[in-house]
Amino acid sequence: MLPSKHFILGLLFAGFLYFIFPKINFIGFLIIIFSAFLIDVDHYLYYVYKKKNFSLRKAYKWFIENKKKLLSLPWEQRNKFQTGFSFLHGIEILLILLILWVFVSKYFLFVFVGFAFHLLLDSIDQTTYWDRISKVSLVRDYLKYRN
């Protein structure tokens, strides 16, 4: 899913939560929105690592082209297609955020909510073009897709 969709859906989700739970306050509202789409910075960092290029525009085009390649493959070959390692996309990061919430600051709960919402959207989106859901566990994805 593109970051723009994550931003729009994150805005709607954070607005809904803010309406239901006004104690979230405006700062929490903003943290949820931005964490729901800025988690994708790991995709950009993967591009920088892989291509040795810092251009955000070229990174965006590269990922769009990869998605087109994926969608052009027959359904049974799509599961062999790898999109790269996303170190912020996994349950381990969610657990770290919960620990930080308990021991450091309440604001990490808002980051957790934004990240969890993002991962839920990614999981739903992946079912439209794969028979699998990746980016659930960093350890699992690293061991399975390290090549």
N, C-alpha and C. Protein backbone atom coordinates (compact mmCIF):
# COMPACT_ATOMS: atom_id res chain seq x y z
N MET A 1 0.85 -1.18 0.00
CA MET A 1 0.00 0.00 0.00
C MET A 1 0.89 1.24 0.00
N LEU A 2 0.51 2.22 -0.77
CA LEU A 2 1.31 3.44 -0.88
C LEU A 2 1.21 4.29 0.39
N PRO A 3 2.27 5.03 0.70
CA PRO A 3 2.25 5.88 1.90
C PRO A 3 1.08 6.88 1.91
N SER A 4 0.69 7.37 0.75
CA SER A 4 -0.42 8.33 0.70
C SER A 4 -1.72 7.68 1.20
N LYS A 5 -1.93 6.42 0.84
CA LYS A 5 -3.12 5.71 1.34
C LYS A 5 -3.02 5.48 2.84
N HIS A 6 -1.80 5.13 3.31
CA HIS A 6 -1.60 4.96 4.74
C HIS A 6 -1.87 6.26 5.48
N PHE A 7 -1.47 7.38 4.89
CA PHE A 7 -1.70 8.68 5.54
C PHE A 7 -3.19 8.98 5.63
N ILE A 8 -3.89 8.82 4.54
CA ILE A 8 -5.33 9.12 4.52
C ILE A 8 -6.10 8.20 5.48
N LEU A 9 -5.83 6.90 5.40
CA LEU A 9 -6.51 5.96 6.29
C LEU A 9 -6.09 6.18 7.74
N GLY A 10 -4.81 6.53 7.96
CA GLY A 10 -4.34 6.84 9.31
C GLY A 10 -5.03 8.08 9.86
N LEU A 11 -5.24 9.07 9.02
CA LEU A 11 -5.96 10.29 9.41
C LEU A 11 -7.39 9.97 9.83
N LEU A 12 -8.06 9.16 9.03
CA LEU A 12 -9.43 8.76 9.35
C LEU A 12 -9.48 7.94 10.64
N PHE A 13 -8.55 7.00 10.77
CA PHE A 13 -8.49 6.15 11.96
C PHE A 13 -8.20 6.98 13.21
N ALA A 14 -7.19 7.85 13.13
CA ALA A 14 -6.85 8.70 14.27
C ALA A 14 -8.01 9.64 14.62
N GLY A 15 -8.68 10.16 13.61
CA GLY A 15 -9.86 11.01 13.85
C GLY A 15 -10.97 10.25 14.56
N PHE A 16 -11.20 9.02 14.13
CA PHE A 16 -12.20 8.18 14.78
C PHE A 16 -11.82 7.94 16.24
N LEU A 17 -10.56 7.59 16.49
CA LEU A 17 -10.11 7.35 17.87
C LEU A 17 -10.21 8.63 18.71
N TYR A 18 -9.84 9.75 18.12
CA TYR A 18 -9.90 11.03 18.82
C TYR A 18 -11.34 11.39 19.19
N PHE A 19 -12.27 11.06 18.30
CA PHE A 19 -13.69 11.32 18.56
C PHE A 19 -14.21 10.41 19.69
N ILE A 20 -13.82 9.14 19.65
CA ILE A 20 -14.28 8.16 20.65
C ILE A 20 -13.57 8.36 21.99
N PHE A 21 -12.27 8.65 21.92
CA PHE A 21 -11.44 8.80 23.13
C PHE A 21 -10.78 10.18 23.13
N PRO A 22 -11.49 11.23 23.52
CA PRO A 22 -10.92 12.58 23.48
C PRO A 22 -9.69 12.75 24.38
N LYS A 23 -9.48 11.84 25.32
CA LYS A 23 -8.29 11.92 26.18
C LYS A 23 -7.00 11.71 25.39
N ILE A 24 -7.12 11.20 24.17
CA ILE A 24 -5.94 11.02 23.32
C ILE A 24 -5.22 12.36 23.15
N ASN A 25 -5.92 13.42 23.07
CA ASN A 25 -5.47 14.80 22.83
C ASN A 25 -4.87 14.95 21.44
N PHE A 26 -4.60 16.19 21.09
CA PHE A 26 -4.16 16.50 19.73
C PHE A 26 -2.78 15.91 19.42
N ILE A 27 -1.89 15.90 20.40
CA ILE A 27 -0.55 15.33 20.21
C ILE A 27 -0.67 13.83 19.88
N GLY A 28 -1.47 13.10 20.65
CA GLY A 28 -1.68 11.68 20.38
C GLY A 28 -2.28 11.45 19.01
N PHE A 29 -3.23 12.29 18.65
CA PHE A 29 -3.87 12.24 17.34
C PHE A 29 -2.81 12.35 16.23
N LEU A 30 -1.93 13.33 16.35
CA LEU A 30 -0.88 13.53 15.35
C LEU A 30 0.12 12.38 15.33
N ILE A 31 0.49 11.88 16.50
CA ILE A 31 1.44 10.77 16.56
C ILE A 31 0.87 9.53 15.87
N ILE A 32 -0.40 9.26 16.08
CA ILE A 32 -1.04 8.11 15.44
C ILE A 32 -1.02 8.27 13.91
N ILE A 33 -1.39 9.46 13.44
CA ILE A 33 -1.40 9.70 11.99
C ILE A 33 -0.02 9.49 11.39
N PHE A 34 0.98 10.15 11.97
CA PHE A 34 2.31 10.11 11.37
C PHE A 34 2.98 8.75 11.53
N SER A 35 2.73 8.07 12.63
CA SER A 35 3.33 6.74 12.77
C SER A 35 2.65 5.72 11.86
N ALA A 36 1.41 5.98 11.46
CA ALA A 36 0.70 5.07 10.56
C ALA A 36 1.27 5.09 9.15
N PHE A 37 2.00 6.16 8.79
CA PHE A 37 2.59 6.13 7.46
C PHE A 37 4.11 6.30 7.47
N LEU A 38 4.68 6.91 8.48
CA LEU A 38 6.14 7.07 8.51
C LEU A 38 6.88 5.77 8.82
N ILE A 39 6.17 4.76 9.27
CA ILE A 39 6.78 3.43 9.46
C ILE A 39 7.41 2.96 8.14
N ASP A 40 6.89 3.43 7.03
CA ASP A 40 7.41 3.01 5.72
C ASP A 40 8.78 3.59 5.40
N VAL A 41 9.36 4.34 6.31
CA VAL A 41 10.72 4.84 6.10
C VAL A 41 11.69 3.67 5.92
N ASP A 42 11.36 2.51 6.49
CA ASP A 42 12.25 1.36 6.33
C ASP A 42 12.30 0.89 4.88
N HIS A 43 11.24 1.08 4.12
CA HIS A 43 11.26 0.74 2.70
C HIS A 43 12.25 1.65 1.96
N TYR A 44 12.20 2.93 2.28
CA TYR A 44 13.13 3.89 1.67
C TYR A 44 14.57 3.55 2.05
N LEU A 45 14.82 3.23 3.31
CA LEU A 45 16.17 2.88 3.74
C LEU A 45 16.66 1.61 3.05
N TYR A 46 15.75 0.67 2.80
CA TYR A 46 16.12 -0.52 2.03
C TYR A 46 16.55 -0.12 0.62
N TYR A 47 15.79 0.77 0.00
CA TYR A 47 16.14 1.26 -1.33
C TYR A 47 17.53 1.91 -1.32
N VAL A 48 17.78 2.76 -0.34
CA VAL A 48 19.09 3.43 -0.24
C VAL A 48 20.20 2.40 -0.10
N TYR A 49 19.99 1.40 0.73
CA TYR A 49 20.97 0.34 0.91
C TYR A 49 21.19 -0.45 -0.38
N LYS A 50 20.11 -0.80 -1.03
CA LYS A 50 20.16 -1.66 -2.22
C LYS A 50 20.72 -0.91 -3.44
N LYS A 51 20.30 0.32 -3.63
CA LYS A 51 20.64 1.07 -4.86
C LYS A 51 21.71 2.13 -4.64
N LYS A 52 22.11 2.36 -3.39
CA LYS A 52 23.12 3.38 -3.08
C LYS A 52 22.73 4.74 -3.65
N ASN A 53 21.45 5.07 -3.48
CA ASN A 53 20.90 6.31 -4.01
C ASN A 53 19.93 6.88 -2.97
N PHE A 54 20.00 8.19 -2.74
CA PHE A 54 19.17 8.83 -1.72
C PHE A 54 17.93 9.52 -2.29
N SER A 55 17.70 9.41 -3.58
CA SER A 55 16.57 10.09 -4.20
C SER A 55 15.24 9.47 -3.78
N LEU A 56 14.43 10.25 -3.12
CA LEU A 56 13.11 9.78 -2.69
C LEU A 56 12.22 9.52 -3.91
N ARG A 57 12.34 10.37 -4.90
CA ARG A 57 11.56 10.20 -6.13
C ARG A 57 11.92 8.89 -6.85
N LYS A 58 13.23 8.61 -6.96
CA LYS A 58 13.66 7.37 -7.62
C LYS A 58 13.25 6.15 -6.80
N ALA A 59 13.30 6.28 -5.50
CA ALA A 59 12.88 5.17 -4.63
C ALA A 59 11.40 4.88 -4.85
N TYR A 60 10.60 5.92 -4.89
CA TYR A 60 9.16 5.75 -5.11
C TYR A 60 8.92 5.05 -6.46
N LYS A 61 9.59 5.52 -7.51
CA LYS A 61 9.42 4.91 -8.83
C LYS A 61 9.88 3.46 -8.83
N TRP A 62 10.98 3.18 -8.14
CA TRP A 62 11.50 1.82 -8.07
C TRP A 62 10.49 0.87 -7.43
N PHE A 63 9.86 1.32 -6.34
CA PHE A 63 8.86 0.47 -5.69
C PHE A 63 7.60 0.32 -6.54
N ILE A 64 7.22 1.35 -7.24
CA ILE A 64 6.07 1.25 -8.15
C ILE A 64 6.36 0.25 -9.26
N GLU A 65 7.58 0.32 -9.82
CA GLU A 65 7.96 -0.63 -10.88
C GLU A 65 8.00 -2.07 -10.35
N ASN A 66 8.51 -2.25 -9.14
CA ASN A 66 8.53 -3.59 -8.54
C ASN A 66 7.12 -4.13 -8.33
N LYS A 67 6.21 -3.27 -7.92
CA LYS A 67 4.82 -3.70 -7.72
C LYS A 67 4.21 -4.11 -9.07
N LYS A 68 4.52 -3.35 -10.12
CA LYS A 68 4.01 -3.70 -11.44
C LYS A 68 4.56 -5.05 -11.90
N LYS A 69 5.87 -5.28 -11.64
CA LYS A 69 6.47 -6.58 -11.98
C LYS A 69 5.76 -7.70 -11.23
N LEU A 70 5.53 -7.49 -9.95
CA LEU A 70 4.85 -8.49 -9.13
C LEU A 70 3.47 -8.81 -9.71
N LEU A 71 2.73 -7.77 -10.01
CA LEU A 71 1.36 -7.98 -10.50
C LEU A 71 1.32 -8.57 -11.91
N SER A 72 2.41 -8.46 -12.66
CA SER A 72 2.44 -9.04 -14.00
C SER A 72 2.72 -10.54 -13.97
N LEU A 73 3.19 -11.05 -12.83
CA LEU A 73 3.49 -12.47 -12.71
C LEU A 73 2.21 -13.29 -12.54
N PRO A 74 2.23 -14.53 -13.00
CA PRO A 74 1.10 -15.41 -12.70
C PRO A 74 0.98 -15.59 -11.18
N TRP A 75 -0.23 -15.82 -10.72
CA TRP A 75 -0.50 -15.88 -9.29
C TRP A 75 0.44 -16.84 -8.55
N GLU A 76 0.70 -18.02 -9.13
CA GLU A 76 1.52 -19.02 -8.44
C GLU A 76 2.99 -18.61 -8.35
N GLN A 77 3.46 -17.69 -9.18
CA GLN A 77 4.85 -17.24 -9.12
C GLN A 77 5.04 -16.02 -8.21
N ARG A 78 3.98 -15.38 -7.83
CA ARG A 78 4.08 -14.16 -7.02
C ARG A 78 4.68 -14.43 -5.64
N ASN A 79 4.42 -15.60 -5.08
CA ASN A 79 4.93 -15.89 -3.74
C ASN A 79 6.45 -15.98 -3.70
N LYS A 80 7.09 -16.16 -4.84
CA LYS A 80 8.55 -16.20 -4.90
C LYS A 80 9.15 -14.79 -4.96
N PHE A 81 8.33 -13.81 -5.23
CA PHE A 81 8.77 -12.42 -5.39
C PHE A 81 9.01 -11.80 -4.01
N GLN A 82 10.19 -11.19 -3.85
CA GLN A 82 10.54 -10.57 -2.57
C GLN A 82 10.62 -9.06 -2.73
N THR A 83 10.14 -8.36 -1.72
CA THR A 83 10.15 -6.89 -1.78
C THR A 83 11.23 -6.27 -0.92
N GLY A 84 11.97 -7.05 -0.18
CA GLY A 84 13.03 -6.50 0.66
C GLY A 84 12.69 -6.61 2.13
N PHE A 85 13.71 -6.41 2.94
CA PHE A 85 13.56 -6.53 4.39
C PHE A 85 13.08 -5.21 4.97
N SER A 86 12.00 -5.24 5.70
CA SER A 86 11.40 -4.05 6.32
C SER A 86 11.52 -4.18 7.84
N PHE A 87 12.54 -3.55 8.41
CA PHE A 87 12.86 -3.78 9.82
C PHE A 87 11.88 -3.16 10.80
N LEU A 88 10.98 -2.29 10.35
CA LEU A 88 9.97 -1.73 11.25
C LEU A 88 8.64 -2.47 11.15
N HIS A 89 8.55 -3.42 10.24
CA HIS A 89 7.30 -4.13 10.00
C HIS A 89 7.36 -5.51 10.67
N GLY A 90 6.93 -5.59 11.91
CA GLY A 90 6.92 -6.87 12.60
C GLY A 90 6.43 -6.76 14.02
N ILE A 91 6.00 -7.87 14.53
CA ILE A 91 5.46 -7.91 15.89
C ILE A 91 6.51 -7.56 16.93
N GLU A 92 7.78 -7.81 16.62
CA GLU A 92 8.85 -7.50 17.56
C GLU A 92 8.92 -6.00 17.85
N ILE A 93 8.74 -5.19 16.82
CA ILE A 93 8.74 -3.73 17.01
C ILE A 93 7.55 -3.31 17.84
N LEU A 94 6.40 -3.96 17.60
CA LEU A 94 5.22 -3.64 18.41
C LEU A 94 5.47 -3.96 19.89
N LEU A 95 6.12 -5.07 20.16
CA LEU A 95 6.43 -5.42 21.55
C LEU A 95 7.39 -4.41 22.18
N ILE A 96 8.38 -3.97 21.42
CA ILE A 96 9.31 -2.95 21.92
C ILE A 96 8.55 -1.66 22.24
N LEU A 97 7.63 -1.28 21.37
CA LEU A 97 6.85 -0.06 21.60
C LEU A 97 5.99 -0.19 22.86
N LEU A 98 5.42 -1.37 23.09
CA LEU A 98 4.64 -1.57 24.31
C LEU A 98 5.52 -1.46 25.55
N ILE A 99 6.70 -2.01 25.49
CA ILE A 99 7.64 -1.91 26.62
C ILE A 99 8.02 -0.45 26.86
N LEU A 100 8.29 0.28 25.78
CA LEU A 100 8.62 1.70 25.91
C LEU A 100 7.45 2.49 26.48
N TRP A 101 6.24 2.12 26.11
CA TRP A 101 5.04 2.77 26.66
C TRP A 101 4.98 2.57 28.17
N VAL A 102 5.19 1.36 28.61
CA VAL A 102 5.09 1.05 30.04
C VAL A 102 6.20 1.73 30.84
N PHE A 103 7.43 1.71 30.31
CA PHE A 103 8.57 2.15 31.10
C PHE A 103 9.08 3.55 30.77
N VAL A 104 8.70 4.12 29.63
CA VAL A 104 9.28 5.39 29.23
C VAL A 104 8.24 6.51 29.12
N SER A 105 7.27 6.34 28.22
CA SER A 105 6.33 7.43 27.97
C SER A 105 5.03 6.92 27.39
N LYS A 106 3.95 7.61 27.74
CA LYS A 106 2.63 7.26 27.20
C LYS A 106 2.54 7.46 25.69
N TYR A 107 3.42 8.29 25.16
CA TYR A 107 3.36 8.58 23.73
C TYR A 107 3.72 7.37 22.87
N PHE A 108 4.47 6.44 23.43
CA PHE A 108 4.79 5.23 22.68
C PHE A 108 3.55 4.38 22.43
N LEU A 109 2.53 4.53 23.24
CA LEU A 109 1.27 3.82 22.98
C LEU A 109 0.65 4.33 21.67
N PHE A 110 0.74 5.63 21.43
CA PHE A 110 0.20 6.19 20.19
C PHE A 110 1.00 5.72 18.97
N VAL A 111 2.32 5.63 19.13
CA VAL A 111 3.15 5.09 18.05
C VAL A 111 2.77 3.63 17.81
N PHE A 112 2.58 2.87 18.88
CA PHE A 112 2.15 1.47 18.78
C PHE A 112 0.84 1.38 18.00
N VAL A 113 -0.12 2.20 18.33
CA VAL A 113 -1.43 2.17 17.66
C VAL A 113 -1.26 2.47 16.17
N GLY A 114 -0.47 3.48 15.83
CA GLY A 114 -0.24 3.83 14.42
C GLY A 114 0.46 2.71 13.67
N PHE A 115 1.50 2.14 14.29
CA PHE A 115 2.23 1.03 13.65
C PHE A 115 1.31 -0.18 13.47
N ALA A 116 0.56 -0.52 14.51
CA ALA A 116 -0.33 -1.69 14.44
C ALA A 116 -1.38 -1.50 13.35
N PHE A 117 -1.93 -0.29 13.25
CA PHE A 117 -2.91 -0.01 12.21
C PHE A 117 -2.26 -0.16 10.83
N HIS A 118 -1.07 0.35 10.66
CA HIS A 118 -0.34 0.22 9.40
C HIS A 118 -0.13 -1.25 9.03
N LEU A 119 0.32 -2.04 10.00
CA LEU A 119 0.58 -3.46 9.73
C LEU A 119 -0.71 -4.20 9.38
N LEU A 120 -1.81 -3.82 10.03
CA LEU A 120 -3.11 -4.42 9.69
C LEU A 120 -3.48 -4.09 8.24
N LEU A 121 -3.31 -2.84 7.85
CA LEU A 121 -3.60 -2.45 6.46
C LEU A 121 -2.70 -3.20 5.48
N ASP A 122 -1.42 -3.32 5.80
CA ASP A 122 -0.51 -4.07 4.93
C ASP A 122 -0.93 -5.52 4.79
N SER A 123 -1.33 -6.13 5.88
CA SER A 123 -1.76 -7.54 5.84
C SER A 123 -2.99 -7.71 4.97
N ILE A 124 -3.93 -6.81 5.09
CA ILE A 124 -5.13 -6.86 4.25
C ILE A 124 -4.76 -6.65 2.78
N ASP A 125 -3.91 -5.66 2.52
CA ASP A 125 -3.50 -5.34 1.15
C ASP A 125 -2.75 -6.51 0.51
N GLN A 126 -1.90 -7.18 1.28
CA GLN A 126 -1.11 -8.28 0.72
C GLN A 126 -1.96 -9.43 0.22
N THR A 127 -3.11 -9.63 0.81
CA THR A 127 -3.96 -10.74 0.38
C THR A 127 -4.52 -10.53 -1.03
N THR A 128 -4.40 -9.31 -1.56
CA THR A 128 -4.90 -9.05 -2.91
C THR A 128 -3.90 -9.45 -3.99
N TYR A 129 -2.63 -9.68 -3.61
CA TYR A 129 -1.65 -10.03 -4.63
C TYR A 129 -0.72 -11.17 -4.24
N TRP A 130 -0.86 -11.74 -3.04
CA TRP A 130 -0.06 -12.88 -2.59
C TRP A 130 -0.94 -13.89 -1.88
N ASP A 131 -0.43 -15.12 -1.82
CA ASP A 131 -1.07 -16.16 -1.02
C ASP A 131 -0.51 -16.18 0.39
N ARG A 132 0.32 -15.22 0.71
CA ARG A 132 0.97 -15.20 2.02
C ARG A 132 0.86 -13.81 2.62
N ILE A 133 1.12 -13.75 3.90
CA ILE A 133 1.24 -12.47 4.57
C ILE A 133 2.65 -12.41 5.14
N SER A 134 3.45 -11.50 4.61
CA SER A 134 4.80 -11.32 5.13
C SER A 134 4.78 -10.11 6.07
N LYS A 135 5.90 -9.78 6.59
CA LYS A 135 6.05 -8.63 7.48
C LYS A 135 5.24 -8.79 8.77
N VAL A 136 5.14 -10.02 9.26
CA VAL A 136 4.48 -10.26 10.52
C VAL A 136 5.52 -10.33 11.63
N SER A 137 6.62 -11.01 11.34
CA SER A 137 7.70 -11.17 12.30
C SER A 137 9.02 -10.85 11.61
N LEU A 138 9.80 -9.97 12.20
CA LEU A 138 11.11 -9.63 11.64
C LEU A 138 12.03 -10.84 11.58
N VAL A 139 12.03 -11.62 12.65
CA VAL A 139 12.88 -12.80 12.71
C VAL A 139 12.49 -13.80 11.63
N ARG A 140 11.20 -14.08 11.52
CA ARG A 140 10.72 -15.02 10.51
C ARG A 140 11.05 -14.54 9.10
N ASP A 141 10.77 -13.28 8.82
CA ASP A 141 11.04 -12.75 7.48
C ASP A 141 12.53 -12.75 7.18
N TYR A 142 13.35 -12.39 8.16
CA TYR A 142 14.80 -12.39 7.94
C TYR A 142 15.30 -13.79 7.61
N LEU A 143 14.89 -14.77 8.40
CA LEU A 143 15.35 -16.13 8.17
C LEU A 143 14.81 -16.71 6.86
N LYS A 144 13.58 -16.38 6.53
CA LYS A 144 12.96 -16.94 5.32
C LYS A 144 13.43 -16.26 4.04
N TYR A 145 13.64 -14.95 4.09
CA TYR A 145 13.91 -14.18 2.87
C TYR A 145 15.29 -13.53 2.85
N ARG A 146 16.24 -14.02 3.61
CA ARG A 146 17.54 -13.34 3.74
C ARG A 146 18.32 -13.27 2.45
N ASN A 147 17.99 -14.02 1.46
CA ASN A 147 18.69 -13.93 0.17
C ASN A 147 18.04 -12.87 -0.67
